[in-house]
């Protein structure tokens, strides 16, 4: 995305200044000004000459023609709202700008075996250390790439996160195995300022570099899931939940403002499905009906010729010259109890 400083539109420059006064992140300023610039270029008019009808047409263009995602669509809406409500002081323009409905998707989670295969396929020690840090501590990708050497406290086994989302700092525990991995990486690269530097020691490693490395490692590991570096964070939260850690603690470790956001991992943990049996487990072993077995045997197995049935010998009584058949004795049905004695009259 082009930095906002390279856009020469006067309204965008004023909009960027208004966002800087509110201490918004540079990535947010870049995203909002990018969509506002696209909006003005689409109609080839300045922003003050465009109104609600043009905003509606541009939203339909994003949905029908450009097929924008939910996040891109809502970024454009937020940028236009800030432009007309704050910069141009025209709040009536944004009353009827609808937001897109957020799709409710479950996070992708790696199993222990899949995570082990992925880390074995990561040949670059820096890329492997970044993904391993995200997997072991649940950091976001930007939080991991912006770590500095003093942020790693090996004595107390803690990591101080200073570049959190929303400029919020927090401290997360670091396992001894992760600290050993980071020490081995430091012996190889010897960074001075940033733990994972980019092209120069004074700049952090870029996120697209790790995303490409993760995509290559997933292909080499033979994993067919839609895995990104953010999947390491989902896997951390799910593993902690399955280990018995409460939701409130996981929410604090992840840096969520509300534990309600963390509750999405309740839907992907394995214990959630182990406690829900299937009704098919209650059926008997042979569920195939008799008519299906007969039709299957007739269609597959050759039919053997029927043998003539042997006649049963007749029983005779010596009441006369001619033999007569003995009538069958009636079978008395009982319930298994002893018959009661008849009362004498």
C-alpha atoms as a PDB file:
ATOM      1  CA  UNK A   1       0.000   0.000   0.000  1.00  0.00           C
ATOM      2  CA  UNK A   2       1.359   3.411  -0.970  1.00  0.00           C
ATOM      3  CA  UNK A   3       2.280   5.606   2.044  1.00  0.00           C
ATOM      4  CA  UNK A   4      -0.051   8.516   2.616  1.00  0.00           C
ATOM      5  CA  UNK A   5       2.847  10.996   2.338  1.00  0.00           C
ATOM      6  CA  UNK A   6       3.084  10.309  -1.410  1.00  0.00           C
ATOM      7  CA  UNK A   7      -0.536  11.264  -2.129  1.00  0.00           C
ATOM      8  CA  UNK A   8      -0.792  14.880  -3.290  1.00  0.00           C
ATOM      9  CA  UNK A   9      -4.563  15.300  -2.953  1.00  0.00           C
ATOM     10  CA  UNK A  10      -5.182  18.351  -0.696  1.00  0.00           C
ATOM     11  CA  UNK A  11      -8.162  16.718   1.009  1.00  0.00           C
ATOM     12  CA  UNK A  12      -6.110  13.598   1.739  1.00  0.00           C
ATOM     13  CA  UNK A  13      -3.308  15.701   3.194  1.00  0.00           C
ATOM     14  CA  UNK A  14      -5.782  17.459   5.504  1.00  0.00           C
ATOM     15  CA  UNK A  15      -7.332  14.102   6.388  1.00  0.00           C
ATOM     16  CA  UNK A  16      -3.919  12.627   7.265  1.00  0.00           C
ATOM     17  CA  UNK A  17      -3.184  15.612   9.510  1.00  0.00           C
ATOM     18  CA  UNK A  18      -6.503  15.171  11.309  1.00  0.00           C
ATOM     19  CA  UNK A  19      -5.695  11.512  11.913  1.00  0.00           C
ATOM     20  CA  UNK A  20      -2.226  12.370  13.181  1.00  0.00           C
ATOM     21  CA  UNK A  21      -3.762  14.773  15.691  1.00  0.00           C
ATOM     22  CA  UNK A  22      -5.829  11.861  17.024  1.00  0.00           C
ATOM     23  CA  UNK A  23      -2.679   9.721  17.347  1.00  0.00           C
ATOM     24  CA  UNK A  24      -3.829   7.043  14.924  1.00  0.00           C
ATOM     25  CA  UNK A  25      -1.347   4.477  13.652  1.00  0.00           C
ATOM     26  CA  UNK A  26       0.481   5.015  10.366  1.00  0.00           C
ATOM     27  CA  UNK A  27      -1.007   1.796   8.990  1.00  0.00           C
ATOM     28  CA  UNK A  28      -4.528   3.130   9.709  1.00  0.00           C
ATOM     29  CA  UNK A  29      -3.718   6.446   8.011  1.00  0.00           C
ATOM     30  CA  UNK A  30      -2.345   4.594   4.977  1.00  0.00           C
ATOM     31  CA  UNK A  31      -5.438   2.382   4.721  1.00  0.00           C
ATOM     32  CA  UNK A  32      -8.007   5.190   5.078  1.00  0.00           C
ATOM     33  CA  UNK A  33      -6.278   7.587   2.708  1.00  0.00           C
ATOM     34  CA  UNK A  34      -5.768   4.792   0.172  1.00  0.00           C
ATOM     35  CA  UNK A  35      -9.498   4.107  -0.076  1.00  0.00           C
ATOM     36  CA  UNK A  36     -10.412   7.790  -0.166  1.00  0.00           C
ATOM     37  CA  UNK A  37      -7.924   8.320  -3.002  1.00  0.00           C
ATOM     38  CA  UNK A  38      -9.461   5.382  -4.898  1.00  0.00           C
ATOM     39  CA  UNK A  39     -12.910   6.858  -4.323  1.00  0.00           C
ATOM     40  CA  UNK A  40     -11.913  10.229  -5.807  1.00  0.00           C
ATOM     41  CA  UNK A  41     -10.100   8.623  -8.742  1.00  0.00           C
ATOM     42  CA  UNK A  42     -13.125   6.447  -9.517  1.00  0.00           C
ATOM     43  CA  UNK A  43     -15.323   9.500 -10.200  1.00  0.00           C
ATOM     44  CA  UNK A  44     -12.445  11.798 -11.246  1.00  0.00           C
ATOM     45  CA  UNK A  45     -13.703  14.549  -8.962  1.00  0.00           C
ATOM     46  CA  UNK A  46     -12.505  16.074  -5.692  1.00  0.00           C
ATOM     47  CA  UNK A  47     -14.075  14.797  -2.495  1.00  0.00           C
ATOM     48  CA  UNK A  48     -16.051  17.987  -1.774  1.00  0.00           C
ATOM     49  CA  UNK A  49     -17.985  17.566  -5.047  1.00  0.00           C
ATOM     50  CA  UNK A  50     -19.121  14.013  -4.237  1.00  0.00           C
ATOM     51  CA  UNK A  51     -22.172  13.186  -2.131  1.00  0.00           C
ATOM     52  CA  UNK A  52     -24.282  10.296  -0.809  1.00  0.00           C
ATOM     53  CA  UNK A  53     -25.300   9.034  -4.259  1.00  0.00           C
ATOM     54  CA  UNK A  54     -21.662   8.687  -5.375  1.00  0.00           C
ATOM     55  CA  UNK A  55     -20.836   6.931  -2.100  1.00  0.00           C
ATOM     56  CA  UNK A  56     -23.651   4.446  -2.714  1.00  0.00           C
ATOM     57  CA  UNK A  57     -22.508   3.808  -6.302  1.00  0.00           C
ATOM     58  CA  UNK A  58     -18.935   3.266  -5.124  1.00  0.00           C
ATOM     59  CA  UNK A  59     -20.065   0.746  -2.521  1.00  0.00           C
ATOM     60  CA  UNK A  60     -21.995  -1.187  -5.169  1.00  0.00           C
ATOM     61  CA  UNK A  61     -18.882  -1.080  -7.346  1.00  0.00           C
ATOM     62  CA  UNK A  62     -16.806  -2.590  -4.533  1.00  0.00           C
ATOM     63  CA  UNK A  63     -19.326  -5.370  -3.931  1.00  0.00           C
ATOM     64  CA  UNK A  64     -20.413  -6.293  -7.479  1.00  0.00           C
ATOM     65  CA  UNK A  65     -17.448  -5.528  -9.708  1.00  0.00           C
ATOM     66  CA  UNK A  66     -14.339  -5.450  -7.565  1.00  0.00           C
ATOM     67  CA  UNK A  67     -15.544  -8.278  -5.272  1.00  0.00           C
ATOM     68  CA  UNK A  68     -13.864  -6.702  -2.276  1.00  0.00           C
ATOM     69  CA  UNK A  69     -13.495  -8.609   0.975  1.00  0.00           C
ATOM     70  CA  UNK A  70     -15.290  -7.677   4.169  1.00  0.00           C
ATOM     71  CA  UNK A  71     -12.220  -5.998   5.675  1.00  0.00           C
ATOM     72  CA  UNK A  72     -11.441  -3.969   2.539  1.00  0.00           C
ATOM     73  CA  UNK A  73     -15.079  -2.870   2.189  1.00  0.00           C
ATOM     74  CA  UNK A  74     -15.304  -1.699   5.797  1.00  0.00           C
ATOM     75  CA  UNK A  75     -11.954   0.074   5.576  1.00  0.00           C
ATOM     76  CA  UNK A  76     -13.351   2.097   2.680  1.00  0.00           C
ATOM     77  CA  UNK A  77     -16.483   2.888   4.706  1.00  0.00           C
ATOM     78  CA  UNK A  78     -14.431   3.993   7.728  1.00  0.00           C
ATOM     79  CA  UNK A  79     -12.218   6.167   5.523  1.00  0.00           C
ATOM     80  CA  UNK A  80     -15.187   7.886   3.899  1.00  0.00           C
ATOM     81  CA  UNK A  81     -16.856   8.407   7.271  1.00  0.00           C
ATOM     82  CA  UNK A  82     -13.741  10.081   8.666  1.00  0.00           C
ATOM     83  CA  UNK A  83     -13.355  12.246   5.557  1.00  0.00           C
ATOM     84  CA  UNK A  84     -16.896  13.642   5.558  1.00  0.00           C
ATOM     85  CA  UNK A  85     -17.509  13.700   9.288  1.00  0.00           C
ATOM     86  CA  UNK A  86     -14.186  15.105  10.538  1.00  0.00           C
ATOM     87  CA  UNK A  87     -12.239  16.657   7.672  1.00  0.00           C
ATOM     88  CA  UNK A  88     -15.096  18.136   5.592  1.00  0.00           C
ATOM     89  CA  UNK A  89     -17.472  18.668   8.557  1.00  0.00           C
ATOM     90  CA  UNK A  90     -20.459  17.194   6.682  1.00  0.00           C
ATOM     91  CA  UNK A  91     -21.917  14.561   9.013  1.00  0.00           C
ATOM     92  CA  UNK A  92     -25.190  14.344   7.053  1.00  0.00           C
ATOM     93  CA  UNK A  93     -23.302  12.614   4.248  1.00  0.00           C
ATOM     94  CA  UNK A  94     -22.428   9.578   6.345  1.00  0.00           C
ATOM     95  CA  UNK A  95     -25.716   8.790   8.049  1.00  0.00           C
ATOM     96  CA  UNK A  96     -26.717   6.237   5.438  1.00  0.00           C
ATOM     97  CA  UNK A  97     -23.337   4.632   4.699  1.00  0.00           C
ATOM     98  CA  UNK A  98     -23.863   0.960   5.614  1.00  0.00           C
ATOM     99  CA  UNK A  99     -21.158  -1.341   6.909  1.00  0.00           C
ATOM    100  CA  UNK A 100     -20.601  -4.800   5.518  1.00  0.00           C
ATOM    101  CA  UNK A 101     -21.734  -7.826   7.516  1.00  0.00           C
ATOM    102  CA  UNK A 102     -18.776  -9.572   9.049  1.00  0.00           C
ATOM    103  CA  UNK A 103     -18.568 -13.291   8.167  1.00  0.00           C
ATOM    104  CA  UNK A 104     -18.328 -15.578  11.173  1.00  0.00           C
ATOM    105  CA  UNK A 105     -15.435 -17.903  10.412  1.00  0.00           C
ATOM    106  CA  UNK A 106     -13.600 -20.213  12.755  1.00  0.00           C
ATOM    107  CA  UNK A 107      -9.814 -19.862  13.004  1.00  0.00           C
ATOM    108  CA  UNK A 108      -7.472 -22.376  11.391  1.00  0.00           C
ATOM    109  CA  UNK A 109      -5.462 -24.311  13.969  1.00  0.00           C
ATOM    110  CA  UNK A 110      -2.378 -26.488  13.540  1.00  0.00           C
ATOM    111  CA  UNK A 111      -1.929 -29.740  15.416  1.00  0.00           C
ATOM    112  CA  UNK A 112       1.271 -30.497  17.299  1.00  0.00           C
ATOM    113  CA  UNK A 113       2.490 -32.798  14.540  1.00  0.00           C
ATOM    114  CA  UNK A 114       1.772 -30.249  11.797  1.00  0.00           C
ATOM    115  CA  UNK A 115       3.530 -27.471  13.715  1.00  0.00           C
ATOM    116  CA  UNK A 116       6.583 -29.696  14.201  1.00  0.00           C
ATOM    117  CA  UNK A 117       6.738 -30.466  10.478  1.00  0.00           C
ATOM    118  CA  UNK A 118       6.444 -26.775   9.621  1.00  0.00           C
ATOM    119  CA  UNK A 119       9.325 -25.724  11.871  1.00  0.00           C
ATOM    120  CA  UNK A 120      11.493 -28.520  10.518  1.00  0.00           C
ATOM    121  CA  UNK A 121      10.979 -27.199   6.976  1.00  0.00           C
ATOM    122  CA  UNK A 122      11.982 -23.624   7.891  1.00  0.00           C
ATOM    123  CA  UNK A 123      15.621 -23.418   6.770  1.00  0.00           C
ATOM    124  CA  UNK A 124      16.202 -19.722   7.431  1.00  0.00           C
ATOM    125  CA  UNK A 125      17.004 -19.280  11.160  1.00  0.00           C
ATOM    126  CA  UNK A 126      15.470 -15.791  11.294  1.00  0.00           C
ATOM    127  CA  UNK A 127      12.183 -16.818   9.694  1.00  0.00           C
ATOM    128  CA  UNK A 128      12.022 -19.912  11.888  1.00  0.00           C
ATOM    129  CA  UNK A 129      12.642 -17.862  15.032  1.00  0.00           C
ATOM    130  CA  UNK A 130       9.877 -15.385  14.170  1.00  0.00           C
ATOM    131  CA  UNK A 131       7.245 -18.096  13.605  1.00  0.00           C
ATOM    132  CA  UNK A 132       8.422 -20.013  16.659  1.00  0.00           C
ATOM    133  CA  UNK A 133       8.048 -16.888  18.795  1.00  0.00           C
ATOM    134  CA  UNK A 134       4.493 -16.349  17.524  1.00  0.00           C
ATOM    135  CA  UNK A 135       3.639 -19.993  18.186  1.00  0.00           C
ATOM    136  CA  UNK A 136       5.153 -20.065  21.692  1.00  0.00           C
ATOM    137  CA  UNK A 137       3.788 -16.745  22.979  1.00  0.00           C
ATOM    138  CA  UNK A 138       0.733 -15.960  20.823  1.00  0.00           C
ATOM    139  CA  UNK A 139       2.176 -12.702  19.467  1.00  0.00           C
ATOM    140  CA  UNK A 140       0.875 -10.992  16.378  1.00  0.00           C
ATOM    141  CA  UNK A 141       3.268 -10.878  13.454  1.00  0.00           C
ATOM    142  CA  UNK A 142       3.924  -7.155  13.812  1.00  0.00           C
ATOM    143  CA  UNK A 143       4.504  -7.544  17.543  1.00  0.00           C
ATOM    144  CA  UNK A 144       7.091 -10.258  16.937  1.00  0.00           C
ATOM    145  CA  UNK A 145       8.988  -8.420  14.181  1.00  0.00           C
ATOM    146  CA  UNK A 146       9.187  -5.218  16.285  1.00  0.00           C
ATOM    147  CA  UNK A 147      10.785  -6.905  19.296  1.00  0.00           C
ATOM    148  CA  UNK A 148      14.059  -5.405  20.469  1.00  0.00           C
ATOM    149  CA  UNK A 149      16.916  -7.042  22.334  1.00  0.00           C
ATOM    150  CA  UNK A 150      16.103  -5.379  25.715  1.00  0.00           C
ATOM    151  CA  UNK A 151      12.511  -6.670  25.465  1.00  0.00           C
ATOM    152  CA  UNK A 152      13.698 -10.241  26.121  1.00  0.00           C
ATOM    153  CA  UNK A 153      14.112 -10.802  29.847  1.00  0.00           C
ATOM    154  CA  UNK A 154      15.844 -14.157  30.157  1.00  0.00           C
ATOM    155  CA  UNK A 155      16.239 -13.948  33.928  1.00  0.00           C
ATOM    156  CA  UNK A 156      12.532 -13.567  34.646  1.00  0.00           C
ATOM    157  CA  UNK A 157      11.574 -15.539  31.499  1.00  0.00           C
ATOM    158  CA  UNK A 158       9.356 -12.785  30.153  1.00  0.00           C
ATOM    159  CA  UNK A 159       8.905 -10.832  26.915  1.00  0.00           C
ATOM    160  CA  UNK A 160       7.884  -7.176  27.014  1.00  0.00           C
ATOM    161  CA  UNK A 161       5.675  -6.280  24.037  1.00  0.00           C
ATOM    162  CA  UNK A 162       5.795  -2.551  23.272  1.00  0.00           C
ATOM    163  CA  UNK A 163       4.369  -2.446  19.727  1.00  0.00           C
ATOM    164  CA  UNK A 164       1.004  -3.987  20.572  1.00  0.00           C
ATOM    165  CA  UNK A 165      -2.228  -3.332  18.748  1.00  0.00           C
ATOM    166  CA  UNK A 166      -3.664   0.014  19.745  1.00  0.00           C
ATOM    167  CA  UNK A 167      -0.311   1.040  21.283  1.00  0.00           C
ATOM    168  CA  UNK A 168      -1.006  -1.203  24.283  1.00  0.00           C
ATOM    169  CA  UNK A 169       1.940  -2.785  26.086  1.00  0.00           C
ATOM    170  CA  UNK A 170       1.848  -6.130  27.859  1.00  0.00           C
ATOM    171  CA  UNK A 171       4.135  -8.820  29.225  1.00  0.00           C
ATOM    172  CA  UNK A 172       3.911 -12.483  28.275  1.00  0.00           C
ATOM    173  CA  UNK A 173       5.830 -15.440  29.732  1.00  0.00           C
ATOM    174  CA  UNK A 174       8.584 -17.066  27.662  1.00  0.00           C
ATOM    175  CA  UNK A 175       9.257 -20.773  28.000  1.00  0.00           C
ATOM    176  CA  UNK A 176      12.845 -21.952  28.592  1.00  0.00           C
ATOM    177  CA  UNK A 177      12.815 -23.773  25.262  1.00  0.00           C
ATOM    178  CA  UNK A 178      11.890 -20.589  23.406  1.00  0.00           C
ATOM    179  CA  UNK A 179      14.664 -18.690  25.174  1.00  0.00           C
ATOM    180  CA  UNK A 180      17.157 -21.380  24.144  1.00  0.00           C
ATOM    181  CA  UNK A 181      15.992 -21.104  20.520  1.00  0.00           C
ATOM    182  CA  UNK A 182      16.360 -17.306  20.593  1.00  0.00           C
ATOM    183  CA  UNK A 183      19.867 -17.604  22.078  1.00  0.00           C
ATOM    184  CA  UNK A 184      20.923 -19.966  19.309  1.00  0.00           C
ATOM    185  CA  UNK A 185      19.498 -17.561  16.727  1.00  0.00           C
ATOM    186  CA  UNK A 186      21.312 -14.596  18.337  1.00  0.00           C
ATOM    187  CA  UNK A 187      24.637 -16.460  18.156  1.00  0.00           C
ATOM    188  CA  UNK A 188      24.144 -16.820  14.388  1.00  0.00           C
ATOM    189  CA  UNK A 189      22.839 -13.346  13.430  1.00  0.00           C
ATOM    190  CA  UNK A 190      24.137 -11.151  16.288  1.00  0.00           C
ATOM    191  CA  UNK A 191      21.457  -8.397  16.038  1.00  0.00           C
ATOM    192  CA  UNK A 192      22.075  -5.151  17.915  1.00  0.00           C
ATOM    193  CA  UNK A 193      18.797  -3.204  17.966  1.00  0.00           C
ATOM    194  CA  UNK A 194      15.825  -5.142  16.623  1.00  0.00           C
ATOM    195  CA  UNK A 195      15.745  -8.837  17.403  1.00  0.00           C
ATOM    196  CA  UNK A 196      14.635  -9.559  13.831  1.00  0.00           C
ATOM    197  CA  UNK A 197      16.096  -6.739  11.685  1.00  0.00           C
ATOM    198  CA  UNK A 198      15.228  -6.137   8.054  1.00  0.00           C
ATOM    199  CA  UNK A 199      17.538  -4.859   5.331  1.00  0.00           C
ATOM    200  CA  UNK A 200      19.172  -2.473   7.791  1.00  0.00           C
ATOM    201  CA  UNK A 201      19.707  -2.975  11.551  1.00  0.00           C
ATOM    202  CA  UNK A 202      17.495   0.041  12.344  1.00  0.00           C
ATOM    203  CA  UNK A 203      14.397  -1.299  10.559  1.00  0.00           C
ATOM    204  CA  UNK A 204      12.317  -4.321  11.610  1.00  0.00           C
ATOM    205  CA  UNK A 205      11.717  -7.279   9.359  1.00  0.00           C
ATOM    206  CA  UNK A 206       8.815  -6.738   6.963  1.00  0.00           C
ATOM    207  CA  UNK A 207       5.654  -8.800   7.338  1.00  0.00           C
ATOM    208  CA  UNK A 208       5.425  -9.905   3.657  1.00  0.00           C
ATOM    209  CA  UNK A 209       8.820 -11.598   4.018  1.00  0.00           C
ATOM    210  CA  UNK A 210       7.547 -13.820   6.831  1.00  0.00           C
ATOM    211  CA  UNK A 211       4.276 -14.459   4.998  1.00  0.00           C
ATOM    212  CA  UNK A 212       6.124 -15.718   1.921  1.00  0.00           C
ATOM    213  CA  UNK A 213       8.446 -17.849   4.051  1.00  0.00           C
ATOM    214  CA  UNK A 214       5.466 -19.358   5.894  1.00  0.00           C
ATOM    215  CA  UNK A 215       3.716 -20.166   2.624  1.00  0.00           C
ATOM    216  CA  UNK A 216       6.826 -21.913   1.318  1.00  0.00           C
ATOM    217  CA  UNK A 217       7.267 -23.872   4.536  1.00  0.00           C
ATOM    218  CA  UNK A 218       3.642 -25.006   4.490  1.00  0.00           C
ATOM    219  CA  UNK A 219       4.043 -26.307   0.937  1.00  0.00           C
ATOM    220  CA  UNK A 220       7.213 -28.215   1.850  1.00  0.00           C
ATOM    221  CA  UNK A 221       5.590 -29.673   4.968  1.00  0.00           C
ATOM    222  CA  UNK A 222       2.646 -30.985   2.939  1.00  0.00           C
ATOM    223  CA  UNK A 223       0.006 -29.154   4.998  1.00  0.00           C
ATOM    224  CA  UNK A 224      -3.172 -28.444   3.043  1.00  0.00           C
ATOM    225  CA  UNK A 225      -4.686 -25.907   5.431  1.00  0.00           C
ATOM    226  CA  UNK A 226      -4.913 -22.171   4.740  1.00  0.00           C
ATOM    227  CA  UNK A 227      -2.061 -21.306   7.103  1.00  0.00           C
ATOM    228  CA  UNK A 228      -0.670 -17.805   7.641  1.00  0.00           C
ATOM    229  CA  UNK A 229       1.663 -16.433  10.332  1.00  0.00           C
ATOM    230  CA  UNK A 230      -1.453 -15.439  12.295  1.00  0.00           C
ATOM    231  CA  UNK A 231      -2.323 -19.154  12.486  1.00  0.00           C
ATOM    232  CA  UNK A 232       0.510 -19.508  15.022  1.00  0.00           C
ATOM    233  CA  UNK A 233      -1.427 -17.178  17.332  1.00  0.00           C
ATOM    234  CA  UNK A 234      -4.627 -19.229  16.903  1.00  0.00           C
ATOM    235  CA  UNK A 235      -2.732 -22.448  17.590  1.00  0.00           C
ATOM    236  CA  UNK A 236      -1.218 -20.969  20.764  1.00  0.00           C
ATOM    237  CA  UNK A 237      -4.612 -19.950  22.145  1.00  0.00           C
ATOM    238  CA  UNK A 238      -6.229 -23.293  21.308  1.00  0.00           C
ATOM    239  CA  UNK A 239      -3.373 -25.307  22.830  1.00  0.00           C
ATOM    240  CA  UNK A 240      -3.507 -23.244  26.015  1.00  0.00           C
ATOM    241  CA  UNK A 241      -7.262 -23.778  26.244  1.00  0.00           C
ATOM    242  CA  UNK A 242      -6.897 -27.521  25.767  1.00  0.00           C
ATOM    243  CA  UNK A 243      -4.208 -27.562  28.472  1.00  0.00           C
ATOM    244  CA  UNK A 244      -6.715 -26.245  31.006  1.00  0.00           C
ATOM    245  CA  UNK A 245      -5.837 -22.528  31.102  1.00  0.00           C
ATOM    246  CA  UNK A 246      -8.890 -20.360  31.743  1.00  0.00           C
ATOM    247  CA  UNK A 247     -10.246 -18.014  29.091  1.00  0.00           C
ATOM    248  CA  UNK A 248      -9.540 -14.838  31.068  1.00  0.00           C
ATOM    249  CA  UNK A 249      -5.818 -15.636  31.356  1.00  0.00           C
ATOM    250  CA  UNK A 250      -5.575 -16.444  27.645  1.00  0.00           C
ATOM    251  CA  UNK A 251      -7.331 -13.170  26.859  1.00  0.00           C
ATOM    252  CA  UNK A 252      -4.721 -11.233  28.846  1.00  0.00           C
ATOM    253  CA  UNK A 253      -1.859 -13.089  27.156  1.00  0.00           C
ATOM    254  CA  UNK A 254      -3.283 -12.361  23.700  1.00  0.00           C
ATOM    255  CA  UNK A 255      -3.934  -8.703  24.488  1.00  0.00           C
ATOM    256  CA  UNK A 256      -7.681  -8.790  23.832  1.00  0.00           C
ATOM    257  CA  UNK A 257      -9.753  -5.918  25.183  1.00  0.00           C
ATOM    258  CA  UNK A 258     -12.584  -8.306  26.060  1.00  0.00           C
ATOM    259  CA  UNK A 259     -12.523 -12.021  26.819  1.00  0.00           C
ATOM    260  CA  UNK A 260     -15.551 -12.406  24.539  1.00  0.00           C
ATOM    261  CA  UNK A 261     -13.134 -12.193  21.599  1.00  0.00           C
ATOM    262  CA  UNK A 262     -11.163 -15.111  23.069  1.00  0.00           C
ATOM    263  CA  UNK A 263     -14.248 -17.317  23.367  1.00  0.00           C
ATOM    264  CA  UNK A 264     -14.092 -18.127  19.641  1.00  0.00           C
ATOM    265  CA  UNK A 265     -11.411 -20.699  20.490  1.00  0.00           C
ATOM    266  CA  UNK A 266     -13.963 -22.658  22.504  1.00  0.00           C
ATOM    267  CA  UNK A 267     -15.414 -23.829  19.186  1.00  0.00           C
ATOM    268  CA  UNK A 268     -12.189 -25.384  17.870  1.00  0.00           C
ATOM    269  CA  UNK A 269     -10.773 -27.139  20.928  1.00  0.00           C
ATOM    270  CA  UNK A 270     -10.812 -30.913  20.862  1.00  0.00           C
ATOM    271  CA  UNK A 271     -12.547 -31.397  24.220  1.00  0.00           C
ATOM    272  CA  UNK A 272     -15.505 -29.530  22.791  1.00  0.00           C
ATOM    273  CA  UNK A 273     -16.120 -32.385  20.340  1.00  0.00           C
ATOM    274  CA  UNK A 274     -15.088 -35.265  22.619  1.00  0.00           C
ATOM    275  CA  UNK A 275     -17.972 -34.468  24.949  1.00  0.00           C
ATOM    276  CA  UNK A 276     -20.517 -34.541  22.116  1.00  0.00           C
ATOM    277  CA  UNK A 277     -21.121 -38.162  21.028  1.00  0.00           C
ATOM    278  CA  UNK A 278     -22.845 -39.055  17.793  1.00  0.00           C
ATOM    279  CA  UNK A 279     -26.200 -40.898  17.722  1.00  0.00           C
ATOM    280  CA  UNK A 280     -24.688 -43.480  15.371  1.00  0.00           C
ATOM    281  CA  UNK A 281     -22.605 -44.758  18.279  1.00  0.00           C
ATOM    282  CA  UNK A 282     -25.784 -45.875  20.031  1.00  0.00           C
ATOM    283  CA  UNK A 283     -26.979 -48.104  17.169  1.00  0.00           C
ATOM    284  CA  UNK A 284     -26.280 -51.872  17.175  1.00  0.00           C
ATOM    285  CA  UNK A 285     -23.374 -53.209  15.185  1.00  0.00           C
ATOM    286  CA  UNK A 286     -25.495 -54.595  12.347  1.00  0.00           C
ATOM    287  CA  UNK A 287     -27.501 -51.658  11.049  1.00  0.00           C
ATOM    288  CA  UNK A 288     -28.139 -53.205   7.611  1.00  0.00           C
ATOM    289  CA  UNK A 289     -31.755 -54.393   7.301  1.00  0.00           C
ATOM    290  CA  UNK A 290     -32.507 -57.960   6.299  1.00  0.00           C
ATOM    291  CA  UNK A 291     -33.952 -57.099   2.901  1.00  0.00           C
ATOM    292  CA  UNK A 292     -30.776 -55.205   2.005  1.00  0.00           C
ATOM    293  CA  UNK A 293     -28.584 -58.182   2.931  1.00  0.00           C
ATOM    294  CA  UNK A 294     -30.724 -60.523   0.831  1.00  0.00           C
ATOM    295  CA  UNK A 295     -30.694 -58.235  -2.196  1.00  0.00           C
ATOM    296  CA  UNK A 296     -26.943 -57.756  -1.841  1.00  0.00           C
ATOM    297  CA  UNK A 297     -26.293 -61.504  -1.618  1.00  0.00           C
ATOM    298  CA  UNK A 298     -28.531 -62.208  -4.612  1.00  0.00           C
ATOM    299  CA  UNK A 299     -26.814 -59.615  -6.773  1.00  0.00           C
ATOM    300  CA  UNK A 300     -23.256 -60.641  -5.861  1.00  0.00           C
ATOM    301  CA  UNK A 301     -23.205 -64.322  -4.883  1.00  0.00           C
ATOM    302  CA  UNK A 302     -24.225 -67.050  -7.413  1.00  0.00           C
ATOM    303  CA  UNK A 303     -27.452 -68.816  -6.526  1.00  0.00           C
ATOM    304  CA  UNK A 304     -27.087 -72.502  -5.670  1.00  0.00           C
ATOM    305  CA  UNK A 305     -29.718 -74.987  -6.901  1.00  0.00           C
ATOM    306  CA  UNK A 306     -32.324 -75.739  -4.333  1.00  0.00           C
ATOM    307  CA  UNK A 307     -32.224 -79.238  -2.884  1.00  0.00           C
ATOM    308  CA  UNK A 308     -35.479 -81.191  -2.454  1.00  0.00           C
ATOM    309  CA  UNK A 309     -36.710 -81.111   1.089  1.00  0.00           C
ATOM    310  CA  UNK A 310     -36.972 -84.434   2.851  1.00  0.00           C
ATOM    311  CA  UNK A 311     -40.429 -85.370   4.035  1.00  0.00           C
ATOM    312  CA  UNK A 312     -40.884 -85.862   7.727  1.00  0.00           C
ATOM    313  CA  UNK A 313     -42.103 -89.271   8.808  1.00  0.00           C
ATOM    314  CA  UNK A 314     -45.678 -89.471   9.852  1.00  0.00           C
ATOM    315  CA  UNK A 315     -46.570 -90.644  13.341  1.00  0.00           C
ATOM    316  CA  UNK A 316     -49.340 -93.215  13.570  1.00  0.00           C
ATOM    317  CA  UNK A 317     -51.510 -94.485  16.370  1.00  0.00           C
ATOM    318  CA  UNK A 318     -52.606 -98.106  16.746  1.00  0.00           C
ATOM    319  CA  UNK A 319     -56.324 -97.327  16.890  1.00  0.00           C
ATOM    320  CA  UNK A 320     -57.195 -99.097  13.646  1.00  0.00           C
ATOM    321  CA  UNK A 321     -55.981-100.557  10.407  1.00  0.00           C
ATOM    322  CA  UNK A 322     -55.473 -97.290   8.632  1.00  0.00           C
ATOM    323  CA  UNK A 323     -52.709 -95.024   9.828  1.00  0.00           C
ATOM    324  CA  UNK A 324     -53.831 -91.575  10.878  1.00  0.00           C
ATOM    325  CA  UNK A 325     -51.807 -88.480  11.623  1.00  0.00           C
ATOM    326  CA  UNK A 326     -51.450 -87.471  15.262  1.00  0.00           C
ATOM    327  CA  UNK A 327     -52.762 -83.977  15.756  1.00  0.00           C
ATOM    328  CA  UNK A 328     -50.157 -81.565  17.100  1.00  0.00           C
ATOM    329  CA  UNK A 329     -50.515 -80.802  20.779  1.00  0.00           C
ATOM    330  CA  UNK A 330     -51.287 -77.171  21.503  1.00  0.00           C
ATOM    331  CA  UNK A 331     -48.400 -75.175  22.919  1.00  0.00           C
ATOM    332  CA  UNK A 332     -49.345 -73.346  26.003  1.00  0.00           C
ATOM    333  CA  UNK A 333     -47.842 -69.896  26.332  1.00  0.00           C
ATOM    334  CA  UNK A 334     -46.710 -68.991  29.787  1.00  0.00           C
ATOM    335  CA  UNK A 335     -45.036 -65.974  31.229  1.00  0.00           C
ATOM    336  CA  UNK A 336     -42.480 -68.069  33.107  1.00  0.00           C
ATOM    337  CA  UNK A 337     -44.294 -68.058  36.427  1.00  0.00           C
ATOM    338  CA  UNK A 338     -45.600 -71.144  38.153  1.00  0.00           C
ATOM    339  CA  UNK A 339     -49.309 -71.765  37.628  1.00  0.00           C
ATOM    340  CA  UNK A 340     -51.513 -71.006  40.546  1.00  0.00           C
ATOM    341  CA  UNK A 341     -53.307 -73.858  42.287  1.00  0.00           C
ATOM    342  CA  UNK A 342     -57.003 -74.130  41.663  1.00  0.00           C
ATOM    343  CA  UNK A 343     -59.228 -73.531  44.588  1.00  0.00           C
ATOM    344  CA  UNK A 344     -61.539 -76.322  45.663  1.00  0.00           C
ATOM    345  CA  UNK A 345     -65.184 -75.518  45.541  1.00  0.00           C
END
